[in-house]
Protein backbone atom coordinates (compact mmCIF):
# COMPACT_ATOMS: atom_id res chain seq x y z
CA MET A 1 -17.24 -71.83 -10.16
CA LYS A 2 -17.94 -74.59 -7.65
CA SER A 3 -16.18 -74.50 -4.29
CA ILE A 4 -13.91 -77.54 -4.00
CA ILE A 5 -12.03 -78.51 -0.85
CA ASN A 6 -9.89 -81.47 0.18
CA ILE A 7 -10.41 -82.82 3.69
CA LEU A 8 -8.34 -85.46 5.47
CA LEU A 9 -10.11 -87.53 8.13
CA ILE A 10 -7.78 -89.51 10.42
CA ASP A 11 -9.64 -91.98 12.64
CA ASP A 12 -9.27 -95.73 13.13
CA HIS A 13 -12.99 -96.37 13.61
CA PRO A 14 -14.64 -97.06 10.20
CA LEU A 15 -18.17 -96.64 11.58
CA TYR A 16 -17.39 -93.20 12.98
CA ARG A 17 -15.71 -92.14 9.74
CA LYS A 18 -18.82 -93.27 7.88
CA ALA A 19 -21.07 -91.34 10.27
CA LEU A 20 -19.07 -88.14 9.68
CA GLU A 21 -19.22 -88.30 5.89
CA PRO A 22 -22.65 -86.61 5.47
CA VAL A 23 -21.61 -83.76 7.75
CA ILE A 24 -18.30 -83.26 5.98
CA HIS A 25 -19.94 -83.15 2.55
CA THR A 26 -22.07 -80.16 3.61
CA LEU A 27 -18.98 -77.96 3.97
CA ALA A 28 -18.58 -77.16 0.25
CA GLU A 29 -20.20 -77.87 -3.09
CA VAL A 30 -17.52 -80.48 -3.79
CA VAL A 31 -15.63 -82.17 -0.96
CA ASN A 32 -12.83 -84.60 -1.76
CA LEU A 33 -12.64 -86.70 1.39
CA PHE A 34 -9.48 -88.70 2.10
CA GLU A 35 -9.47 -91.17 4.99
CA ALA A 36 -6.67 -92.67 7.05
CA ALA A 37 -6.78 -95.09 9.98
CA SER A 38 -3.33 -94.25 11.32
CA ILE A 39 -0.71 -91.51 11.35
CA SER A 40 1.47 -93.46 8.90
CA GLN A 41 -1.41 -93.70 6.43
CA ALA A 42 -2.13 -90.01 6.92
CA ILE A 43 1.47 -89.03 6.25
CA ALA A 44 1.45 -91.06 3.04
CA LEU A 45 -1.70 -89.27 1.88
CA ILE A 46 -0.26 -85.85 2.76
CA GLU A 47 2.89 -86.58 0.77
CA ASN A 48 1.03 -87.83 -2.30
CA GLN A 49 -2.20 -85.83 -2.52
CA ALA A 50 -3.20 -82.24 -3.30
CA PRO A 51 -3.09 -79.66 -0.48
CA PHE A 52 -5.73 -80.10 2.21
CA SER A 53 -8.14 -77.41 3.39
CA LEU A 54 -8.86 -79.14 6.70
CA VAL A 55 -7.67 -82.12 8.75
CA LEU A 56 -9.86 -83.96 11.28
CA LEU A 57 -7.83 -85.97 13.74
CA ASP A 58 -8.61 -88.51 16.45
CA LEU A 59 -6.00 -88.47 19.21
CA THR A 60 -6.08 -92.23 19.81
CA LEU A 61 -4.62 -94.14 16.86
CA PRO A 62 -2.87 -97.52 16.47
CA ASP A 63 0.56 -96.01 15.80
CA SER A 64 0.32 -92.85 17.90
CA ASP A 65 -1.48 -91.61 20.97
CA GLY A 66 -2.46 -88.28 22.45
CA LEU A 67 -0.74 -85.15 21.21
CA GLN A 68 1.94 -87.25 19.54
CA SER A 69 -0.68 -87.71 16.82
CA LEU A 70 -1.09 -83.97 16.35
CA ILE A 71 2.53 -82.83 16.18
CA PRO A 72 3.61 -84.50 12.90
CA ILE A 73 0.43 -83.40 11.13
CA CYS A 74 0.95 -79.77 12.15
CA GLN A 75 4.57 -79.98 11.05
CA LEU A 76 3.69 -81.38 7.61
CA LEU A 77 0.73 -79.03 7.09
CA PRO A 78 1.64 -75.80 8.93
CA ASP A 79 -0.94 -73.74 7.01
CA THR A 80 -3.80 -76.23 7.25
CA PRO A 81 -6.20 -76.09 10.22
CA VAL A 82 -6.32 -79.30 12.25
CA VAL A 83 -9.43 -80.07 14.29
CA ILE A 84 -9.37 -82.71 17.01
CA ILE A 85 -12.39 -85.01 17.13
CA SER A 86 -12.00 -87.14 20.22
CA ALA A 87 -13.91 -89.20 22.76
CA CYS A 88 -11.72 -87.57 25.42
CA GLU A 89 -13.52 -84.59 26.97
CA ASN A 90 -10.83 -83.75 29.50
CA ARG A 91 -10.49 -79.99 29.75
CA GLN A 92 -6.72 -80.07 30.16
CA MET A 93 -6.42 -82.12 26.97
CA ILE A 94 -8.32 -79.40 25.11
CA ILE A 95 -5.89 -76.77 26.42
CA ASN A 96 -2.88 -78.90 25.51
CA ALA A 97 -4.22 -79.60 22.02
CA LEU A 98 -4.85 -75.92 21.30
CA ASN A 99 -1.43 -75.00 22.62
CA ALA A 100 0.08 -77.66 20.34
CA GLY A 101 -1.52 -76.11 17.27
CA ALA A 102 -5.04 -77.50 16.92
CA ARG A 103 -7.60 -75.05 15.58
CA GLY A 104 -10.54 -76.75 17.23
CA TYR A 105 -11.60 -79.54 19.56
CA ILE A 106 -14.88 -81.40 19.06
CA PRO A 107 -16.05 -84.16 21.40
CA LYS A 108 -17.27 -87.28 19.60
CA SER A 109 -20.44 -86.98 21.67
CA ALA A 110 -21.37 -83.78 19.81
CA ASP A 111 -24.35 -83.99 17.47
CA SER A 112 -24.03 -83.46 13.73
CA ALA A 113 -25.28 -79.86 13.81
CA ILE A 114 -22.60 -78.82 16.30
CA ILE A 115 -19.89 -80.62 14.31
CA GLU A 116 -21.01 -78.97 11.07
CA ASN A 117 -21.06 -75.51 12.68
CA ALA A 118 -17.67 -76.04 14.27
CA LEU A 119 -15.99 -77.21 11.06
CA ALA A 120 -17.50 -74.36 9.06
CA LEU A 121 -16.20 -71.93 11.68
CA VAL A 122 -12.68 -73.32 11.43
CA LEU A 123 -12.77 -73.19 7.63
CA ASN A 124 -13.62 -69.51 8.02
CA GLY A 125 -10.42 -68.94 9.96
CA GLU A 126 -11.73 -69.17 13.52
CA THR A 127 -10.93 -71.53 16.38
CA TYR A 128 -13.64 -73.76 17.86
CA ILE A 129 -13.79 -74.66 21.55
CA PRO A 130 -16.82 -76.53 22.96
CA SER A 131 -18.52 -73.93 25.12
CA ALA A 132 -19.71 -76.56 27.62
CA MET A 133 -16.06 -77.03 28.58
CA LEU A 134 -15.41 -73.35 29.27
CA ASP A 135 -15.98 -73.39 33.00
CA GLY A 136 -14.94 -69.80 33.64
CA SER A 137 -11.20 -70.29 33.91
CA SER A 138 -8.89 -67.95 32.02
CA ASP A 139 -6.17 -70.42 31.06
CA LEU A 140 -7.57 -71.43 27.67
CA THR A 141 -6.28 -68.26 26.11
CA LEU A 142 -4.88 -64.87 26.97
CA ILE A 143 -7.68 -62.36 27.21
CA GLU A 144 -7.21 -58.66 27.62
CA GLN A 145 -8.99 -57.56 30.76
CA GLY A 146 -10.96 -54.36 30.92
CA GLU A 147 -14.26 -52.86 31.92
CA VAL A 148 -17.09 -54.56 30.07
CA THR A 149 -19.93 -52.48 28.71
CA ALA A 150 -23.36 -54.08 29.00
CA LEU A 151 -24.45 -55.89 25.84
CA THR A 152 -27.75 -55.14 24.17
CA GLY A 153 -30.40 -57.84 23.93
CA ARG A 154 -29.58 -58.48 20.29
CA GLN A 155 -25.85 -58.66 21.02
CA GLY A 156 -26.59 -61.21 23.73
CA GLU A 157 -28.50 -63.34 21.22
CA VAL A 158 -25.62 -63.13 18.75
CA LEU A 159 -23.12 -64.03 21.46
CA LYS A 160 -25.03 -67.15 22.47
CA LEU A 161 -25.08 -68.33 18.86
CA LEU A 162 -21.36 -67.63 18.57
CA ALA A 163 -20.87 -69.94 21.54
CA GLN A 164 -22.64 -72.69 19.59
CA GLY A 165 -20.20 -72.30 16.70
CA TYR A 166 -22.62 -70.57 14.31
CA SER A 167 -21.16 -68.67 11.35
CA ASN A 168 -22.28 -65.11 10.59
CA LYS A 169 -24.55 -66.40 7.83
CA GLN A 170 -26.17 -68.94 10.16
CA ILE A 171 -26.67 -66.31 12.86
CA GLY A 172 -28.32 -64.02 10.33
CA ARG A 173 -30.71 -66.76 9.23
CA THR A 174 -31.54 -67.73 12.82
CA LEU A 175 -32.22 -64.16 13.94
CA ASP A 176 -33.65 -63.04 10.59
CA ILE A 177 -31.14 -60.21 10.16
CA ALA A 178 -28.66 -59.39 7.40
CA GLU A 179 -25.20 -60.94 7.51
CA THR A 180 -23.69 -57.44 7.39
CA THR A 181 -25.68 -56.58 10.52
CA VAL A 182 -24.32 -59.70 12.21
CA ARG A 183 -20.77 -58.57 11.40
CA VAL A 184 -21.46 -55.23 13.06
CA HIS A 185 -22.83 -56.95 16.17
CA VAL A 186 -19.83 -59.31 16.34
CA SER A 187 -17.41 -56.40 15.98
CA ASP A 188 -19.20 -54.51 18.77
CA ILE A 189 -19.20 -57.59 21.00
CA LEU A 190 -15.43 -58.07 20.55
CA GLN A 191 -14.82 -54.43 21.39
CA GLN A 192 -17.05 -54.45 24.44
CA LEU A 193 -15.57 -57.68 25.81
CA HIS A 194 -12.00 -56.47 25.10
CA VAL A 195 -11.07 -59.49 23.00
CA HIS A 196 -9.65 -59.94 19.52
CA ASN A 197 -11.61 -62.85 18.07
CA ARG A 198 -14.79 -64.89 18.41
CA THR A 199 -13.16 -67.60 20.49
CA GLY A 200 -11.93 -65.02 22.98
CA ALA A 201 -15.44 -63.55 23.12
CA VAL A 202 -16.96 -66.91 24.04
CA ILE A 203 -14.34 -67.57 26.72
CA ARG A 204 -14.69 -64.07 28.18
CA ALA A 205 -18.47 -64.33 28.14
CA GLN A 206 -18.31 -67.63 30.00
CA GLN A 207 -16.01 -66.07 32.59
CA LEU A 208 -18.51 -63.27 33.09
CA GLY A 209 -21.48 -65.63 33.27
CA LEU A 210 -23.09 -64.16 30.16
CA LEU A 211 -23.85 -67.56 28.65
CA GLY A 212 -25.28 -69.23 31.72
CA PRO A 213 -23.93 -72.49 33.21
CA ALA A 214 -22.43 -74.94 30.72
CA ALA A 215 -23.77 -73.00 27.75
CA ARG A 216 -23.99 -74.86 24.46
């Protein structure tokens, strides 16, 4: 059976929507893409179309601005991940968006490979944060502190790919190892960094300087 997903793209720039289409269509065998140029158009689509697997949202729209764009979408689709795609790269905005319910934040300056990896990660139940914006502060999320055991060389390689938004399958292909082996490495990394998910691992690693300055 073919994988079929419905994605809602909310952005008032037709050229940018057009540029995203090839990336979005790589996310499943069949992608039904719905487009809206405003929050009012988006609400109409949500009320009249099949359930959505993912929503991509620009924060600057004709009838709404900033996080006021995010709130009604999260209320109408509480079980659907919403990813912000914005020209704003302000770190505090990222924090505010995640706190308001976004499952990811992608700068519009990101290249197509990063966007594809990030969206695939979110569809797999994770949260995406651009690693270049993790400057070592702890206020993006609550992270359990504890003594960190040194990572092996392979774990370090896996961690750096996690920071780029790679899925387990993509990490396996890049490092030429089995996906099951990747899962073991990820599990070990989470345990050793005293975090509960991949996003926490990236943030903790940035705090500890494991990814280098402004890692991507």
